[in-house]
Amino acid sequence: MSNQDKKINMDVRKSRPQTLAAVFGGFMELLGGRVADADLAKNWDNIVGKDISNIAKVVAVKKTRDKKLNIVLRPVSPAFALELSYKKEECKNKINKYYGRDAVDKIIIRK
C-alpha cells in the first residue's frame, strides 16, 4: 500500500485533546516514517508475519540506556512458549529490519 492510498479526514475533530506525539505520529505515518515504539505493537502482524503473530503478542517495549529496545512478548497460550523461544532470533532480525538498524537488545517471553 502506498502513502497516496491513505486518506485522512482532517475535518473530523477528536473528542479529546491529543498529545503532540499522537498528532505528529499520524503525520509521520502519512509520510511513511516510524516514530514511536508503539508502532511496533500496531504493526506486529506485518512485521513478524502470521506464523509468529498468531502465537505471540507484544506486551511491552522498553528502551535501555543505550537506546535499544527490550521487547516483552506473551504467548497466546502457555503451550506456545517453547516454540516462541525458538523463534526469538527470527523475531529480533525481523524487527531490526523493520527499524532499519540494530534496534533490539533482547526479547523476553512472559507467560
Protein backbone atom coordinates (compact mmCIF):
# COMPACT_ATOMS: atom_id res chain seq x y z
CA MET A 1 0.00 0.00 0.00
CA SER A 2 1.48 3.34 -0.98
CA ASN A 3 1.22 6.53 1.04
CA GLN A 4 -1.07 8.07 -1.59
CA ASP A 5 -3.68 5.38 -0.89
CA LYS A 6 -4.12 6.55 2.70
CA LYS A 7 -6.83 9.12 3.23
CA ILE A 8 -7.24 11.04 6.45
CA ASN A 9 -10.28 13.15 7.10
CA MET A 10 -8.84 16.37 8.51
CA ASP A 11 -12.35 17.81 9.08
CA VAL A 12 -13.15 15.36 11.87
CA ARG A 13 -12.14 16.71 15.27
CA LYS A 14 -11.18 14.34 18.07
CA SER A 15 -13.40 14.44 21.15
CA ARG A 16 -10.37 14.63 23.46
CA PRO A 17 -7.22 16.71 23.26
CA GLN A 18 -4.32 14.86 21.69
CA THR A 19 -0.68 14.88 22.65
CA LEU A 20 1.85 16.25 20.22
CA ALA A 21 3.32 12.76 19.85
CA ALA A 22 -0.05 11.43 18.69
CA VAL A 23 -0.52 14.28 16.23
CA PHE A 24 2.97 14.07 14.77
CA GLY A 25 2.83 10.28 14.81
CA GLY A 26 -0.17 10.38 12.50
CA PHE A 27 1.53 12.94 10.29
CA MET A 28 4.74 10.90 10.09
CA GLU A 29 2.70 7.80 9.29
CA LEU A 30 1.38 9.61 6.23
CA LEU A 31 4.96 10.27 5.15
CA GLY A 32 5.94 6.66 5.76
CA GLY A 33 8.14 7.22 8.81
CA ARG A 34 8.28 5.24 12.03
CA VAL A 35 8.39 7.49 15.04
CA ALA A 36 7.26 5.53 18.06
CA ASP A 37 7.84 2.23 19.77
CA ALA A 38 4.06 1.82 19.84
CA ASP A 39 4.34 1.49 16.09
CA LEU A 40 5.81 -1.96 16.71
CA ALA A 41 2.70 -3.19 18.53
CA LYS A 42 0.41 -1.59 15.99
CA ASN A 43 2.10 -3.27 13.02
CA TRP A 44 3.11 -6.51 14.76
CA ASP A 45 1.32 -8.78 12.25
CA ASN A 46 3.05 -7.17 9.27
CA ILE A 47 6.49 -7.06 10.89
CA VAL A 48 6.94 -10.65 12.07
CA GLY A 49 4.44 -12.44 9.86
CA LYS A 50 1.37 -14.53 10.61
CA ASP A 51 3.23 -17.57 11.92
CA ILE A 52 4.69 -15.62 14.86
CA SER A 53 1.92 -13.07 15.35
CA ASN A 54 -0.61 -15.90 15.78
CA ILE A 55 1.30 -17.32 18.76
CA ALA A 56 2.59 -14.15 20.47
CA LYS A 57 1.56 -10.57 21.19
CA VAL A 58 3.65 -7.58 22.24
CA VAL A 59 3.10 -6.76 25.92
CA ALA A 60 5.71 -4.05 26.45
CA VAL A 61 8.50 -2.21 24.69
CA LYS A 62 11.16 -0.78 26.98
CA LYS A 63 14.12 1.37 25.99
CA THR A 64 17.51 0.71 27.51
CA ARG A 65 20.08 3.37 28.34
CA ASP A 66 21.84 2.83 25.04
CA LYS A 67 18.57 3.46 23.11
CA LYS A 68 17.98 -0.19 22.26
CA LEU A 69 14.69 -1.99 22.84
CA ASN A 70 13.77 -4.78 25.22
CA ILE A 71 10.59 -6.34 23.87
CA VAL A 72 8.31 -8.36 26.13
CA LEU A 73 6.17 -10.95 24.35
CA ARG A 74 3.34 -13.03 25.75
CA PRO A 75 2.37 -16.29 24.05
CA VAL A 76 -1.36 -16.62 23.40
CA SER A 77 -1.17 -19.98 25.15
CA PRO A 78 1.50 -21.36 27.52
CA ALA A 79 1.92 -24.25 25.08
CA PHE A 80 3.47 -21.82 22.57
CA ALA A 81 6.17 -20.54 24.94
CA LEU A 82 8.73 -23.13 23.86
CA GLU A 83 8.06 -22.61 20.16
CA LEU A 84 8.34 -18.86 20.66
CA SER A 85 11.67 -19.25 22.43
CA TYR A 86 13.00 -20.99 19.30
CA LYS A 87 11.82 -18.06 17.17
CA LYS A 88 13.34 -15.27 19.28
CA GLU A 89 16.26 -14.69 16.90
CA GLU A 90 13.93 -14.63 13.90
CA CYS A 91 11.75 -12.04 15.66
CA LYS A 92 14.79 -9.97 16.53
CA ASN A 93 16.01 -10.00 12.92
CA LYS A 94 12.61 -9.01 11.51
CA ILE A 95 12.20 -6.16 14.00
CA ASN A 96 15.71 -4.89 13.28
CA LYS A 97 14.93 -5.00 9.57
CA TYR A 98 11.72 -3.04 10.18
CA TYR A 99 13.53 -0.30 12.09
CA GLY A 100 16.44 -0.34 9.67
CA ARG A 101 19.05 -0.63 12.41
CA ASP A 102 20.19 -2.85 15.27
CA ALA A 103 17.27 -1.77 17.48
CA VAL A 104 16.54 -4.84 19.63
CA ASP A 105 18.70 -5.66 22.64
CA LYS A 106 16.69 -8.67 23.80
CA ILE A 107 13.32 -10.34 23.60
CA ILE A 108 11.71 -11.50 26.83
CA ILE A 109 8.94 -14.11 26.94
CA ARG A 110 6.45 -13.81 29.80
CA LYS A 111 3.79 -16.43 30.40
